[in-house]
Amino acid sequence: MKCPYCKAPMVEEAIAFIVQLEDGQELRLEDVPTWVCESCDHTEVEQDVIDAVEDMLEHMDTVTEENDDQDDSA
């Protein structure tokens, strides 16, 4: 894969990625497969990885809501 900006080679690395949640909190994801330019450090995440993260975040909201409901009934 070539960098869309400087055209240098990109290598796949597992990096930490911070997601800004709707409530303003940040969630740190470890070992996210990411393409990193060897020259300019531009990063790109493939669509299937983005889809997986979005799916995980949707399910996290469901788990959080279920836990909140359990806490309210206690």
N, C-alpha and C. Protein backbone atom coordinates (compact mmCIF):
# COMPACT_ATOMS: atom_id res chain seq x y z
N MET A 1 0.85 -1.17 0.00
CA MET A 1 0.00 0.00 0.00
C MET A 1 0.90 1.24 0.00
N LYS A 2 0.51 2.24 -0.77
CA LYS A 2 1.26 3.50 -0.86
C LYS A 2 0.48 4.61 -0.15
N CYS A 3 1.21 5.51 0.49
CA CYS A 3 0.61 6.65 1.18
C CYS A 3 -0.08 7.55 0.15
N PRO A 4 -1.33 7.96 0.42
CA PRO A 4 -2.02 8.82 -0.54
C PRO A 4 -1.44 10.23 -0.59
N TYR A 5 -0.62 10.59 0.38
CA TYR A 5 -0.06 11.95 0.43
C TYR A 5 1.34 12.03 -0.15
N CYS A 6 2.26 11.19 0.34
CA CYS A 6 3.66 11.30 -0.10
C CYS A 6 4.08 10.13 -1.00
N LYS A 7 3.20 9.16 -1.18
CA LYS A 7 3.42 8.00 -2.06
C LYS A 7 4.49 7.02 -1.54
N ALA A 8 4.94 7.19 -0.31
CA ALA A 8 5.89 6.25 0.30
C ALA A 8 5.15 4.97 0.70
N PRO A 9 5.88 3.89 0.91
CA PRO A 9 5.24 2.65 1.36
C PRO A 9 4.60 2.80 2.74
N MET A 10 3.51 2.07 2.94
CA MET A 10 2.84 2.02 4.24
C MET A 10 3.00 0.60 4.79
N VAL A 11 3.16 0.50 6.09
CA VAL A 11 3.27 -0.79 6.75
C VAL A 11 2.12 -0.94 7.75
N GLU A 12 1.70 -2.17 7.96
CA GLU A 12 0.62 -2.41 8.90
C GLU A 12 1.19 -2.58 10.30
N GLU A 13 0.65 -1.82 11.23
CA GLU A 13 1.07 -1.88 12.62
C GLU A 13 -0.18 -1.95 13.50
N ALA A 14 -0.01 -2.48 14.70
CA ALA A 14 -1.08 -2.49 15.69
C ALA A 14 -0.81 -1.34 16.66
N ILE A 15 -1.68 -0.33 16.62
CA ILE A 15 -1.45 0.85 17.44
C ILE A 15 -2.63 1.11 18.36
N ALA A 16 -2.41 1.94 19.36
CA ALA A 16 -3.50 2.36 20.24
C ALA A 16 -4.29 3.45 19.51
N PHE A 17 -5.59 3.42 19.69
CA PHE A 17 -6.48 4.34 19.01
C PHE A 17 -7.45 4.88 20.05
N ILE A 18 -7.65 6.20 20.09
CA ILE A 18 -8.56 6.79 21.07
C ILE A 18 -9.85 7.19 20.36
N VAL A 19 -10.98 6.73 20.92
CA VAL A 19 -12.29 7.03 20.37
C VAL A 19 -12.97 8.02 21.31
N GLN A 20 -13.48 9.12 20.74
CA GLN A 20 -14.23 10.10 21.52
C GLN A 20 -15.68 9.65 21.57
N LEU A 21 -16.20 9.39 22.76
CA LEU A 21 -17.57 8.94 22.92
C LEU A 21 -18.52 10.13 22.94
N GLU A 22 -19.80 9.87 22.71
CA GLU A 22 -20.80 10.93 22.64
C GLU A 22 -20.89 11.73 23.94
N ASP A 23 -20.64 11.10 25.07
CA ASP A 23 -20.76 11.79 26.36
C ASP A 23 -19.48 12.55 26.73
N GLY A 24 -18.52 12.61 25.80
CA GLY A 24 -17.29 13.35 26.04
C GLY A 24 -16.15 12.51 26.59
N GLN A 25 -16.43 11.30 27.01
CA GLN A 25 -15.38 10.43 27.52
C GLN A 25 -14.56 9.88 26.37
N GLU A 26 -13.35 9.44 26.69
CA GLU A 26 -12.49 8.82 25.69
C GLU A 26 -12.30 7.35 26.02
N LEU A 27 -12.27 6.54 24.98
CA LEU A 27 -12.04 5.11 25.12
C LEU A 27 -10.78 4.77 24.35
N ARG A 28 -9.82 4.16 25.03
CA ARG A 28 -8.55 3.78 24.38
C ARG A 28 -8.64 2.32 23.93
N LEU A 29 -8.47 2.11 22.64
CA LEU A 29 -8.47 0.77 22.07
C LEU A 29 -7.03 0.40 21.76
N GLU A 30 -6.62 -0.76 22.21
CA GLU A 30 -5.24 -1.23 22.00
C GLU A 30 -5.19 -2.14 20.78
N ASP A 31 -4.05 -2.16 20.13
CA ASP A 31 -3.75 -3.10 19.04
C ASP A 31 -4.72 -3.02 17.86
N VAL A 32 -5.06 -1.80 17.45
CA VAL A 32 -5.93 -1.62 16.30
C VAL A 32 -5.07 -1.73 15.03
N PRO A 33 -5.42 -2.64 14.11
CA PRO A 33 -4.63 -2.78 12.88
C PRO A 33 -4.75 -1.49 12.04
N THR A 34 -3.61 -0.87 11.78
CA THR A 34 -3.57 0.43 11.11
C THR A 34 -2.42 0.46 10.11
N TRP A 35 -2.65 1.09 8.97
CA TRP A 35 -1.59 1.31 8.00
C TRP A 35 -0.89 2.62 8.35
N VAL A 36 0.44 2.59 8.45
CA VAL A 36 1.24 3.76 8.82
C VAL A 36 2.28 4.01 7.74
N CYS A 37 2.33 5.25 7.26
CA CYS A 37 3.32 5.62 6.25
C CYS A 37 4.71 5.62 6.86
N GLU A 38 5.65 5.01 6.17
CA GLU A 38 7.03 4.95 6.65
C GLU A 38 7.72 6.31 6.58
N SER A 39 7.18 7.22 5.79
CA SER A 39 7.83 8.51 5.60
C SER A 39 7.17 9.64 6.39
N CYS A 40 5.86 9.84 6.20
CA CYS A 40 5.19 11.00 6.81
C CYS A 40 4.32 10.65 8.01
N ASP A 41 4.23 9.36 8.38
CA ASP A 41 3.45 8.89 9.52
C ASP A 41 1.93 9.04 9.36
N HIS A 42 1.47 9.31 8.15
CA HIS A 42 0.02 9.33 7.90
C HIS A 42 -0.52 7.94 8.25
N THR A 43 -1.70 7.88 8.88
CA THR A 43 -2.30 6.60 9.24
C THR A 43 -3.64 6.42 8.54
N GLU A 44 -3.95 5.19 8.23
CA GLU A 44 -5.25 4.83 7.67
C GLU A 44 -5.72 3.53 8.30
N VAL A 45 -7.01 3.47 8.57
CA VAL A 45 -7.63 2.27 9.12
C VAL A 45 -8.59 1.73 8.06
N GLU A 46 -8.50 0.44 7.78
CA GLU A 46 -9.36 -0.15 6.75
C GLU A 46 -10.82 -0.18 7.21
N GLN A 47 -11.73 -0.16 6.24
CA GLN A 47 -13.15 -0.06 6.53
C GLN A 47 -13.65 -1.22 7.39
N ASP A 48 -13.16 -2.44 7.19
CA ASP A 48 -13.63 -3.56 8.00
C ASP A 48 -13.24 -3.39 9.47
N VAL A 49 -12.10 -2.74 9.73
CA VAL A 49 -11.70 -2.47 11.12
C VAL A 49 -12.61 -1.39 11.71
N ILE A 50 -12.89 -0.35 10.93
CA ILE A 50 -13.80 0.71 11.39
C ILE A 50 -15.17 0.12 11.71
N ASP A 51 -15.67 -0.75 10.83
CA ASP A 51 -16.97 -1.39 11.05
C ASP A 51 -16.96 -2.20 12.35
N ALA A 52 -15.88 -2.93 12.60
CA ALA A 52 -15.78 -3.75 13.82
C ALA A 52 -15.76 -2.87 15.06
N VAL A 53 -15.05 -1.74 15.01
CA VAL A 53 -15.01 -0.83 16.15
C VAL A 53 -16.39 -0.22 16.39
N GLU A 54 -17.06 0.21 15.32
CA GLU A 54 -18.40 0.78 15.46
C GLU A 54 -19.37 -0.25 16.03
N ASP A 55 -19.27 -1.50 15.59
CA ASP A 55 -20.13 -2.57 16.11
C ASP A 55 -19.86 -2.78 17.60
N MET A 56 -18.59 -2.77 17.98
CA MET A 56 -18.23 -2.93 19.38
C MET A 56 -18.79 -1.78 20.22
N LEU A 57 -18.70 -0.56 19.70
CA LEU A 57 -19.21 0.60 20.43
C LEU A 57 -20.73 0.54 20.59
N GLU A 58 -21.44 0.08 19.56
CA GLU A 58 -22.89 -0.07 19.65
C GLU A 58 -23.25 -1.09 20.73
N HIS A 59 -22.53 -2.20 20.78
CA HIS A 59 -22.82 -3.21 21.79
C HIS A 59 -22.40 -2.74 23.18
N MET A 60 -21.38 -1.92 23.26
CA MET A 60 -20.96 -1.37 24.55
C MET A 60 -22.07 -0.50 25.12
N ASP A 61 -22.74 0.30 24.26
CA ASP A 61 -23.86 1.12 24.71
C ASP A 61 -24.97 0.25 25.27
N THR A 62 -25.25 -0.88 24.62
CA THR A 62 -26.29 -1.79 25.08
C THR A 62 -25.93 -2.37 26.45
N VAL A 63 -24.69 -2.79 26.62
CA VAL A 63 -24.24 -3.34 27.90
C VAL A 63 -24.30 -2.26 28.98
N THR A 64 -23.88 -1.04 28.65
CA THR A 64 -23.91 0.06 29.62
C THR A 64 -25.33 0.36 30.04
N GLU A 65 -26.27 0.40 29.09
CA GLU A 65 -27.67 0.66 29.40
C GLU A 65 -28.24 -0.45 30.28
N GLU A 66 -27.91 -1.72 29.98
CA GLU A 66 -28.39 -2.83 30.80
C GLU A 66 -27.85 -2.72 32.22
N ASN A 67 -26.58 -2.36 32.37
CA ASN A 67 -26.00 -2.20 33.70
C ASN A 67 -26.64 -1.05 34.44
N ASP A 68 -26.94 0.05 33.75
CA ASP A 68 -27.60 1.18 34.38
C ASP A 68 -29.00 0.79 34.86
N ASP A 69 -29.72 0.01 34.05
CA ASP A 69 -31.05 -0.45 34.45
C ASP A 69 -30.98 -1.33 35.68
N GLN A 70 -29.97 -2.20 35.76
CA GLN A 70 -29.81 -3.06 36.93
C GLN A 70 -29.48 -2.24 38.16
N ASP A 71 -28.65 -1.21 38.02
CA ASP A 71 -28.29 -0.36 39.14
C ASP A 71 -29.50 0.41 39.65
N ASP A 72 -30.40 0.85 38.74
CA ASP A 72 -31.58 1.61 39.13
C ASP A 72 -32.58 0.74 39.91
N SER A 73 -32.62 -0.56 39.62
CA SER A 73 -33.58 -1.43 40.28
C SER A 73 -33.07 -1.94 41.62
N ALA A 74 -31.84 -1.69 41.94
CA ALA A 74 -31.25 -2.18 43.20
C ALA A 74 -31.60 -1.30 44.36
